Amino acid sequence: MKSIGEITNLVQIKKNTRNSYEYQAYGNRLCEELCDPTKRTLYIKLAKNEDRNLLEIARLHALSNEKNPTKGKIFMWKLSQLKKSIKEKK
């Protein structure tokens, strides 16, 4: 269970980013969860243009590798693999 201080810190992080649309909020959340703040605009663009189910699968795959510090790279790799598998099925 998280302490109240940890919860308020999470709320403050999310309040610091201005989101006009839902996809911006989702892209910012991806950026924070994957610890990749330099590519914030990339995640927002992916949230706007890509299928959300694919993004969720790739996010869960990247977050399951807790020891690997390059979660952003794993996320992008898994997303490209999922896109290739969908193209092959069609």
PDB file of N, CA and C in Angstrom:
ATOM      1  N   MET A   1       0.842  -1.171   0.000  1.00  0.00           N
ATOM      2  CA  MET A   1       0.000   0.000   0.000  1.00  0.00           C
ATOM      3  C   MET A   1       0.890   1.238   0.000  1.00  0.00           C
ATOM      4  N   LYS A   2       0.502   2.233  -0.791  1.00  0.00           N
ATOM      5  CA  LYS A   2       1.300   3.450  -0.903  1.00  0.00           C
ATOM      6  C   LYS A   2       0.926   4.446   0.181  1.00  0.00           C
ATOM      7  N   SER A   3       1.920   5.230   0.577  1.00  0.00           N
ATOM      8  CA  SER A   3       1.649   6.263   1.574  1.00  0.00           C
ATOM      9  C   SER A   3       0.963   7.455   0.904  1.00  0.00           C
ATOM     10  N   ILE A   4       0.403   8.317   1.695  1.00  0.00           N
ATOM     11  CA  ILE A   4      -0.302   9.485   1.166  1.00  0.00           C
ATOM     12  C   ILE A   4       0.672  10.407   0.430  1.00  0.00           C
ATOM     13  N   GLY A   5       1.892  10.508   0.914  1.00  0.00           N
ATOM     14  CA  GLY A   5       2.897  11.335   0.251  1.00  0.00           C
ATOM     15  C   GLY A   5       3.218  10.858  -1.147  1.00  0.00           C
ATOM     16  N   GLU A   6       3.317   9.539  -1.318  1.00  0.00           N
ATOM     17  CA  GLU A   6       3.597   8.991  -2.644  1.00  0.00           C
ATOM     18  C   GLU A   6       2.440   9.246  -3.596  1.00  0.00           C
ATOM     19  N   ILE A   7       1.221   9.114  -3.114  1.00  0.00           N
ATOM     20  CA  ILE A   7       0.043   9.344  -3.954  1.00  0.00           C
ATOM     21  C   ILE A   7      -0.045  10.802  -4.369  1.00  0.00           C
ATOM     22  N   THR A   8       0.204  11.723  -3.450  1.00  0.00           N
ATOM     23  CA  THR A   8       0.131  13.143  -3.801  1.00  0.00           C
ATOM     24  C   THR A   8       1.237  13.523  -4.766  1.00  0.00           C
ATOM     25  N   ASN A   9       2.407  12.883  -4.671  1.00  0.00           N
ATOM     26  CA  ASN A   9       3.470  13.151  -5.637  1.00  0.00           C
ATOM     27  C   ASN A   9       3.050  12.703  -7.029  1.00  0.00           C
ATOM     28  N   LEU A  10       2.382  11.575  -7.140  1.00  0.00           N
ATOM     29  CA  LEU A  10       1.904  11.103  -8.435  1.00  0.00           C
ATOM     30  C   LEU A  10       0.863  12.045  -9.011  1.00  0.00           C
ATOM     31  N   VAL A  11      -0.010  12.555  -8.169  1.00  0.00           N
ATOM     32  CA  VAL A  11      -1.043  13.477  -8.621  1.00  0.00           C
ATOM     33  C   VAL A  11      -0.412  14.770  -9.100  1.00  0.00           C
ATOM     34  N   GLN A  12       0.608  15.255  -8.408  1.00  0.00           N
ATOM     35  CA  GLN A  12       1.276  16.489  -8.806  1.00  0.00           C
ATOM     36  C   GLN A  12       1.994  16.324 -10.131  1.00  0.00           C
ATOM     37  N   ILE A  13       2.576  15.176 -10.395  1.00  0.00           N
ATOM     38  CA  ILE A  13       3.248  14.940 -11.673  1.00  0.00           C
ATOM     39  C   ILE A  13       2.245  15.039 -12.807  1.00  0.00           C
ATOM     40  N   LYS A  14       1.099  14.441 -12.633  1.00  0.00           N
ATOM     41  CA  LYS A  14       0.101  14.450 -13.685  1.00  0.00           C
ATOM     42  C   LYS A  14      -0.520  15.828 -13.874  1.00  0.00           C
ATOM     43  N   LYS A  15      -0.561  16.651 -12.823  1.00  0.00           N
ATOM     44  CA  LYS A  15      -1.117  17.989 -12.946  1.00  0.00           C
ATOM     45  C   LYS A  15      -0.156  18.935 -13.667  1.00  0.00           C
ATOM     46  N   ASN A  16       1.136  18.650 -13.650  1.00  0.00           N
ATOM     47  CA  ASN A  16       2.105  19.536 -14.266  1.00  0.00           C
ATOM     48  C   ASN A  16       2.029  19.525 -15.792  1.00  0.00           C
ATOM     49  N   THR A  17       1.491  18.484 -16.378  1.00  0.00           N
ATOM     50  CA  THR A  17       1.363  18.427 -17.824  1.00  0.00           C
ATOM     51  C   THR A  17      -0.027  18.878 -18.218  1.00  0.00           C
ATOM     52  N   ARG A  18      -0.095  19.698 -19.261  1.00  0.00           N
ATOM     53  CA  ARG A  18      -1.381  20.204 -19.719  1.00  0.00           C
ATOM     54  C   ARG A  18      -1.898  19.295 -20.815  1.00  0.00           C
ATOM     55  N   ASN A  19      -3.082  18.770 -20.628  1.00  0.00           N
ATOM     56  CA  ASN A  19      -3.683  17.864 -21.575  1.00  0.00           C
ATOM     57  C   ASN A  19      -5.032  18.406 -22.020  1.00  0.00           C
ATOM     58  N   SER A  20      -5.147  18.675 -23.315  1.00  0.00           N
ATOM     59  CA  SER A  20      -6.429  19.120 -23.850  1.00  0.00           C
ATOM     60  C   SER A  20      -7.260  17.942 -24.314  1.00  0.00           C
ATOM     61  N   TYR A  21      -6.595  16.855 -24.686  1.00  0.00           N
ATOM     62  CA  TYR A  21      -7.274  15.686 -25.223  1.00  0.00           C
ATOM     63  C   TYR A  21      -6.858  14.438 -24.445  1.00  0.00           C
ATOM     64  N   GLU A  22      -7.658  13.399 -24.578  1.00  0.00           N
ATOM     65  CA  GLU A  22      -7.404  12.156 -23.857  1.00  0.00           C
ATOM     66  C   GLU A  22      -6.122  11.487 -24.331  1.00  0.00           C
ATOM     67  N   TYR A  23      -5.840  11.524 -25.628  1.00  0.00           N
ATOM     68  CA  TYR A  23      -4.632  10.880 -26.138  1.00  0.00           C
ATOM     69  C   TYR A  23      -3.369  11.541 -25.605  1.00  0.00           C
ATOM     70  N   GLN A  24      -3.427  12.830 -25.291  1.00  0.00           N
ATOM     71  CA  GLN A  24      -2.273  13.503 -24.704  1.00  0.00           C
ATOM     72  C   GLN A  24      -2.013  12.987 -23.291  1.00  0.00           C
ATOM     73  N   ALA A  25      -3.072  12.788 -22.553  1.00  0.00           N
ATOM     74  CA  ALA A  25      -2.926  12.255 -21.198  1.00  0.00           C
ATOM     75  C   ALA A  25      -2.365  10.837 -21.252  1.00  0.00           C
ATOM     76  N   TYR A  26      -2.843  10.036 -22.205  1.00  0.00           N
ATOM     77  CA  TYR A  26      -2.348   8.671 -22.327  1.00  0.00           C
ATOM     78  C   TYR A  26      -0.875   8.667 -22.749  1.00  0.00           C
ATOM     79  N   GLY A  27      -0.500   9.527 -23.682  1.00  0.00           N
ATOM     80  CA  GLY A  27       0.899   9.622 -24.110  1.00  0.00           C
ATOM     81  C   GLY A  27       1.812  10.066 -22.984  1.00  0.00           C
ATOM     82  N   ASN A  28       1.352  11.007 -22.172  1.00  0.00           N
ATOM     83  CA  ASN A  28       2.145  11.452 -21.020  1.00  0.00           C
ATOM     84  C   ASN A  28       2.288  10.345 -19.985  1.00  0.00           C
ATOM     85  N   ARG A  29       1.227   9.558 -19.796  1.00  0.00           N
ATOM     86  CA  ARG A  29       1.310   8.446 -18.861  1.00  0.00           C
ATOM     87  C   ARG A  29       2.297   7.395 -19.359  1.00  0.00           C
ATOM     88  N   LEU A  30       2.272   7.118 -20.662  1.00  0.00           N
ATOM     89  CA  LEU A  30       3.248   6.185 -21.239  1.00  0.00           C
ATOM     90  C   LEU A  30       4.666   6.676 -20.996  1.00  0.00           C
ATOM     91  N   CYS A  31       4.878   7.943 -21.239  1.00  0.00           N
ATOM     92  CA  CYS A  31       6.202   8.544 -21.066  1.00  0.00           C
ATOM     93  C   CYS A  31       6.692   8.375 -19.636  1.00  0.00           C
ATOM     94  N   GLU A  32       5.825   8.608 -18.669  1.00  0.00           N
ATOM     95  CA  GLU A  32       6.217   8.498 -17.267  1.00  0.00           C
ATOM     96  C   GLU A  32       6.448   7.049 -16.852  1.00  0.00           C
ATOM     97  N   GLU A  33       5.570   6.146 -17.306  1.00  0.00           N
ATOM     98  CA  GLU A  33       5.701   4.744 -16.911  1.00  0.00           C
ATOM     99  C   GLU A  33       6.934   4.095 -17.512  1.00  0.00           C
ATOM    100  N   LEU A  34       7.300   4.508 -18.728  1.00  0.00           N
ATOM    101  CA  LEU A  34       8.452   3.921 -19.397  1.00  0.00           C
ATOM    102  C   LEU A  34       9.753   4.653 -19.078  1.00  0.00           C
ATOM    103  N   CYS A  35       9.663   5.678 -18.231  1.00  0.00           N
ATOM    104  CA  CYS A  35      10.846   6.450 -17.801  1.00  0.00           C
ATOM    105  C   CYS A  35      11.631   6.983 -19.000  1.00  0.00           C
ATOM    106  N   ASP A  36      10.921   7.613 -19.921  1.00  0.00           N
ATOM    107  CA  ASP A  36      11.541   8.115 -21.146  1.00  0.00           C
ATOM    108  C   ASP A  36      11.020   9.527 -21.441  1.00  0.00           C
ATOM    109  N   PRO A  37      11.363  10.526 -20.598  1.00  0.00           N
ATOM    110  CA  PRO A  37      10.788  11.858 -20.759  1.00  0.00           C
ATOM    111  C   PRO A  37      11.256  12.615 -22.000  1.00  0.00           C
ATOM    112  N   THR A  38      12.355  12.211 -22.595  1.00  0.00           N
ATOM    113  CA  THR A  38      12.844  12.938 -23.765  1.00  0.00           C
ATOM    114  C   THR A  38      12.011  12.662 -25.011  1.00  0.00           C
ATOM    115  N   LYS A  39      11.232  11.590 -24.996  1.00  0.00           N
ATOM    116  CA  LYS A  39      10.438  11.232 -26.173  1.00  0.00           C
ATOM    117  C   LYS A  39       8.938  11.376 -25.912  1.00  0.00           C
ATOM    118  N   ARG A  40       8.590  12.381 -25.127  1.00  0.00           N
ATOM    119  CA  ARG A  40       7.189  12.617 -24.765  1.00  0.00           C
ATOM    120  C   ARG A  40       6.313  12.827 -25.998  1.00  0.00           C
ATOM    121  N   THR A  41       6.772  13.592 -26.962  1.00  0.00           N
ATOM    122  CA  THR A  41       5.949  13.864 -28.146  1.00  0.00           C
ATOM    123  C   THR A  41       5.738  12.605 -28.985  1.00  0.00           C
ATOM    124  N   LEU A  42       6.717  11.718 -29.007  1.00  0.00           N
ATOM    125  CA  LEU A  42       6.567  10.463 -29.734  1.00  0.00           C
ATOM    126  C   LEU A  42       5.444   9.625 -29.135  1.00  0.00           C
ATOM    127  N   TYR A  43       5.400   9.530 -27.816  1.00  0.00           N
ATOM    128  CA  TYR A  43       4.360   8.742 -27.167  1.00  0.00           C
ATOM    129  C   TYR A  43       2.981   9.364 -27.359  1.00  0.00           C
ATOM    130  N   ILE A  44       2.909  10.688 -27.380  1.00  0.00           N
ATOM    131  CA  ILE A  44       1.628  11.352 -27.626  1.00  0.00           C
ATOM    132  C   ILE A  44       1.172  11.081 -29.057  1.00  0.00           C
ATOM    133  N   LYS A  45       2.097  11.123 -29.998  1.00  0.00           N
ATOM    134  CA  LYS A  45       1.740  10.838 -31.387  1.00  0.00           C
ATOM    135  C   LYS A  45       1.294   9.389 -31.559  1.00  0.00           C
ATOM    136  N   LEU A  46       1.983   8.468 -30.901  1.00  0.00           N
ATOM    137  CA  LEU A  46       1.572   7.064 -30.966  1.00  0.00           C
ATOM    138  C   LEU A  46       0.181   6.883 -30.360  1.00  0.00           C
ATOM    139  N   ALA A  47      -0.090   7.564 -29.256  1.00  0.00           N
ATOM    140  CA  ALA A  47      -1.395   7.448 -28.610  1.00  0.00           C
ATOM    141  C   ALA A  47      -2.499   7.996 -29.502  1.00  0.00           C
ATOM    142  N   LYS A  48      -2.172   8.967 -30.320  1.00  0.00           N
ATOM    143  CA  LYS A  48      -3.167   9.553 -31.198  1.00  0.00           C
ATOM    144  C   LYS A  48      -3.424   8.676 -32.422  1.00  0.00           C
ATOM    145  N   ASN A  49      -2.368   8.086 -32.997  1.00  0.00           N
ATOM    146  CA  ASN A  49      -2.499   7.431 -34.296  1.00  0.00           C
ATOM    147  C   ASN A  49      -2.579   5.912 -34.257  1.00  0.00           C
ATOM    148  N   GLU A  50      -2.079   5.281 -33.221  1.00  0.00           N
ATOM    149  CA  GLU A  50      -2.006   3.821 -33.191  1.00  0.00           C
ATOM    150  C   GLU A  50      -3.179   3.220 -32.426  1.00  0.00           C
ATOM    151  N   ASP A  51      -3.387   1.934 -32.669  1.00  0.00           N
ATOM    152  CA  ASP A  51      -4.435   1.192 -31.974  1.00  0.00           C
ATOM    153  C   ASP A  51      -4.074   1.079 -30.498  1.00  0.00           C
ATOM    154  N   ARG A  52      -5.008   1.433 -29.642  1.00  0.00           N
ATOM    155  CA  ARG A  52      -4.747   1.463 -28.204  1.00  0.00           C
ATOM    156  C   ARG A  52      -4.476   0.067 -27.654  1.00  0.00           C
ATOM    157  N   ASN A  53      -5.099  -0.950 -28.234  1.00  0.00           N
ATOM    158  CA  ASN A  53      -4.855  -2.315 -27.758  1.00  0.00           C
ATOM    159  C   ASN A  53      -3.403  -2.721 -27.979  1.00  0.00           C
ATOM    160  N   LEU A  54      -2.846  -2.356 -29.128  1.00  0.00           N
ATOM    161  CA  LEU A  54      -1.440  -2.666 -29.402  1.00  0.00           C
ATOM    162  C   LEU A  54      -0.524  -1.933 -28.423  1.00  0.00           C
ATOM    163  N   LEU A  55      -0.847  -0.677 -28.162  1.00  0.00           N
ATOM    164  CA  LEU A  55      -0.033   0.104 -27.225  1.00  0.00           C
ATOM    165  C   LEU A  55      -0.080  -0.494 -25.817  1.00  0.00           C
ATOM    166  N   GLU A  56      -1.240  -0.958 -25.405  1.00  0.00           N
ATOM    167  CA  GLU A  56      -1.370  -1.554 -24.074  1.00  0.00           C
ATOM    168  C   GLU A  56      -0.581  -2.855 -23.965  1.00  0.00           C
ATOM    169  N   ILE A  57      -0.635  -3.687 -25.006  1.00  0.00           N
ATOM    170  CA  ILE A  57       0.118  -4.941 -24.986  1.00  0.00           C
ATOM    171  C   ILE A  57       1.610  -4.659 -24.913  1.00  0.00           C
ATOM    172  N   ALA A  58       2.079  -3.699 -25.725  1.00  0.00           N
ATOM    173  CA  ALA A  58       3.498  -3.352 -25.722  1.00  0.00           C
ATOM    174  C   ALA A  58       3.904  -2.730 -24.384  1.00  0.00           C
ATOM    175  N   ARG A  59       3.027  -1.917 -23.801  1.00  0.00           N
ATOM    176  CA  ARG A  59       3.329  -1.289 -22.504  1.00  0.00           C
ATOM    177  C   ARG A  59       3.465  -2.338 -21.410  1.00  0.00           C
ATOM    178  N   LEU A  60       2.535  -3.274 -21.376  1.00  0.00           N
ATOM    179  CA  LEU A  60       2.589  -4.322 -20.359  1.00  0.00           C
ATOM    180  C   LEU A  60       3.826  -5.194 -20.523  1.00  0.00           C
ATOM    181  N   HIS A  61       4.207  -5.455 -21.782  1.00  0.00           N
ATOM    182  CA  HIS A  61       5.415  -6.243 -22.033  1.00  0.00           C
ATOM    183  C   HIS A  61       6.659  -5.496 -21.538  1.00  0.00           C
ATOM    184  N   ALA A  62       6.721  -4.201 -21.811  1.00  0.00           N
ATOM    185  CA  ALA A  62       7.884  -3.414 -21.395  1.00  0.00           C
ATOM    186  C   ALA A  62       7.956  -3.286 -19.875  1.00  0.00           C
ATOM    187  N   LEU A  63       6.819  -3.135 -19.227  1.00  0.00           N
ATOM    188  CA  LEU A  63       6.813  -2.976 -17.772  1.00  0.00           C
ATOM    189  C   LEU A  63       7.055  -4.288 -17.043  1.00  0.00           C
ATOM    190  N   SER A  64       6.848  -5.410 -17.721  1.00  0.00           N
ATOM    191  CA  SER A  64       7.089  -6.702 -17.072  1.00  0.00           C
ATOM    192  C   SER A  64       8.582  -6.973 -16.910  1.00  0.00           C
ATOM    193  N   ASN A  65       9.416  -6.311 -17.699  1.00  0.00           N
ATOM    194  CA  ASN A  65      10.871  -6.440 -17.578  1.00  0.00           C
ATOM    195  C   ASN A  65      11.378  -5.370 -16.627  1.00  0.00           C
ATOM    196  N   GLU A  66      11.259  -5.609 -15.332  1.00  0.00           N
ATOM    197  CA  GLU A  66      11.608  -4.596 -14.336  1.00  0.00           C
ATOM    198  C   GLU A  66      13.107  -4.330 -14.258  1.00  0.00           C
ATOM    199  N   LYS A  67      13.917  -5.328 -14.540  1.00  0.00           N
ATOM    200  CA  LYS A  67      15.370  -5.153 -14.394  1.00  0.00           C
ATOM    201  C   LYS A  67      15.983  -4.368 -15.551  1.00  0.00           C
ATOM    202  N   ASN A  68      15.327  -4.345 -16.688  1.00  0.00           N
ATOM    203  CA  ASN A  68      15.863  -3.679 -17.862  1.00  0.00           C
ATOM    204  C   ASN A  68      15.586  -2.178 -17.780  1.00  0.00           C
ATOM    205  N   PRO A  69      16.626  -1.343 -17.831  1.00  0.00           N
ATOM    206  CA  PRO A  69      16.412   0.100 -17.707  1.00  0.00           C
ATOM    207  C   PRO A  69      15.897   0.763 -18.990  1.00  0.00           C
ATOM    208  N   THR A  70      15.959   0.076 -20.116  1.00  0.00           N
ATOM    209  CA  THR A  70      15.541   0.670 -21.383  1.00  0.00           C
ATOM    210  C   THR A  70      14.134   0.196 -21.748  1.00  0.00           C
ATOM    211  N   LYS A  71      13.164   0.600 -20.943  1.00  0.00           N
ATOM    212  CA  LYS A  71      11.789   0.176 -21.161  1.00  0.00           C
ATOM    213  C   LYS A  71      11.212   0.785 -22.438  1.00  0.00           C
ATOM    214  N   GLY A  72      11.663   1.976 -22.794  1.00  0.00           N
ATOM    215  CA  GLY A  72      11.186   2.616 -24.020  1.00  0.00           C
ATOM    216  C   GLY A  72      11.572   1.832 -25.261  1.00  0.00           C
ATOM    217  N   LYS A  73      12.784   1.320 -25.283  1.00  0.00           N
ATOM    218  CA  LYS A  73      13.238   0.527 -26.427  1.00  0.00           C
ATOM    219  C   LYS A  73      12.465  -0.784 -26.532  1.00  0.00           C
ATOM    220  N   ILE A  74      12.218  -1.411 -25.397  1.00  0.00           N
ATOM    221  CA  ILE A  74      11.458  -2.659 -25.397  1.00  0.00           C
ATOM    222  C   ILE A  74      10.034  -2.394 -25.865  1.00  0.00           C
ATOM    223  N   PHE A  75       9.456  -1.277 -25.435  1.00  0.00           N
ATOM    224  CA  PHE A  75       8.112  -0.900 -25.859  1.00  0.00           C
ATOM    225  C   PHE A  75       8.051  -0.740 -27.376  1.00  0.00           C
ATOM    226  N   MET A  76       8.995  -0.005 -27.948  1.00  0.00           N
ATOM    227  CA  MET A  76       8.992   0.228 -29.390  1.00  0.00           C
ATOM    228  C   MET A  76       9.228  -1.067 -30.160  1.00  0.00           C
ATOM    229  N   TRP A  77      10.110  -1.923 -29.660  1.00  0.00           N
ATOM    230  CA  TRP A  77      10.375  -3.198 -30.314  1.00  0.00           C
ATOM    231  C   TRP A  77       9.119  -4.060 -30.336  1.00  0.00           C
ATOM    232  N   LYS A  78       8.448  -4.160 -29.193  1.00  0.00           N
ATOM    233  CA  LYS A  78       7.250  -4.988 -29.105  1.00  0.00           C
ATOM    234  C   LYS A  78       6.138  -4.420 -29.980  1.00  0.00           C
ATOM    235  N   LEU A  79       6.014  -3.116 -30.042  1.00  0.00           N
ATOM    236  CA  LEU A  79       5.003  -2.489 -30.886  1.00  0.00           C
ATOM    237  C   LEU A  79       5.253  -2.798 -32.357  1.00  0.00           C
ATOM    238  N   SER A  80       6.511  -2.741 -32.773  1.00  0.00           N
ATOM    239  CA  SER A  80       6.817  -3.070 -34.176  1.00  0.00           C
ATOM    240  C   SER A  80       6.554  -4.540 -34.462  1.00  0.00           C
ATOM    241  N   GLN A  81       6.847  -5.417 -33.509  1.00  0.00           N
ATOM    242  CA  GLN A  81       6.558  -6.843 -33.692  1.00  0.00           C
ATOM    243  C   GLN A  81       5.059  -7.090 -33.824  1.00  0.00           C
ATOM    244  N   LEU A  82       4.265  -6.421 -33.024  1.00  0.00           N
ATOM    245  CA  LEU A  82       2.814  -6.580 -33.106  1.00  0.00           C
ATOM    246  C   LEU A  82       2.269  -6.073 -34.434  1.00  0.00           C
ATOM    247  N   LYS A  83       2.802  -4.964 -34.914  1.00  0.00           N
ATOM    248  CA  LYS A  83       2.358  -4.435 -36.209  1.00  0.00           C
ATOM    249  C   LYS A  83       2.707  -5.382 -37.349  1.00  0.00           C
ATOM    250  N   LYS A  84       3.909  -5.972 -37.291  1.00  0.00           N
ATOM    251  CA  LYS A  84       4.316  -6.938 -38.320  1.00  0.00           C
ATOM    252  C   LYS A  84       3.421  -8.169 -38.316  1.00  0.00           C
ATOM    253  N   SER A  85       3.065  -8.636 -37.139  1.00  0.00           N
ATOM    254  CA  SER A  85       2.229  -9.837 -37.060  1.00  0.00           C
ATOM    255  C   SER A  85       0.818  -9.554 -37.597  1.00  0.00           C
ATOM    256  N   ILE A  86       0.318  -8.340 -37.401  1.00  0.00           N
ATOM    257  CA  ILE A  86      -0.995  -7.999 -37.932  1.00  0.00           C
ATOM    258  C   ILE A  86      -0.936  -7.896 -39.450  1.00  0.00           C
ATOM    259  N   LYS A  87       0.146  -7.326 -40.005  1.00  0.00           N
ATOM    260  CA  LYS A  87       0.290  -7.247 -41.458  1.00  0.00           C
ATOM    261  C   LYS A  87       0.361  -8.633 -42.091  1.00  0.00           C
ATOM    262  N   GLU A  88       1.067  -9.544 -41.427  1.00  0.00           N
ATOM    263  CA  GLU A  88       1.200 -10.897 -41.947  1.00  0.00           C
ATOM    264  C   GLU A  88      -0.130 -11.626 -41.959  1.00  0.00           C
ATOM    265  N   LYS A  89      -0.977 -11.372 -40.976  1.00  0.00           N
ATOM    266  CA  LYS A  89      -2.279 -12.019 -40.907  1.00  0.00           C
ATOM    267  C   LYS A  89      -3.205 -11.549 -42.019  1.00  0.00           C
ATOM    268  N   LYS A  90      -3.047 -10.300 -42.419  1.00  0.00           N
ATOM    269  CA  LYS A  90      -3.894  -9.757 -43.493  1.00  0.00           C
ATOM    270  C   LYS A  90      -3.386 -10.250 -44.813  1.00  0.00           C
TER     271      LYS A  90
END
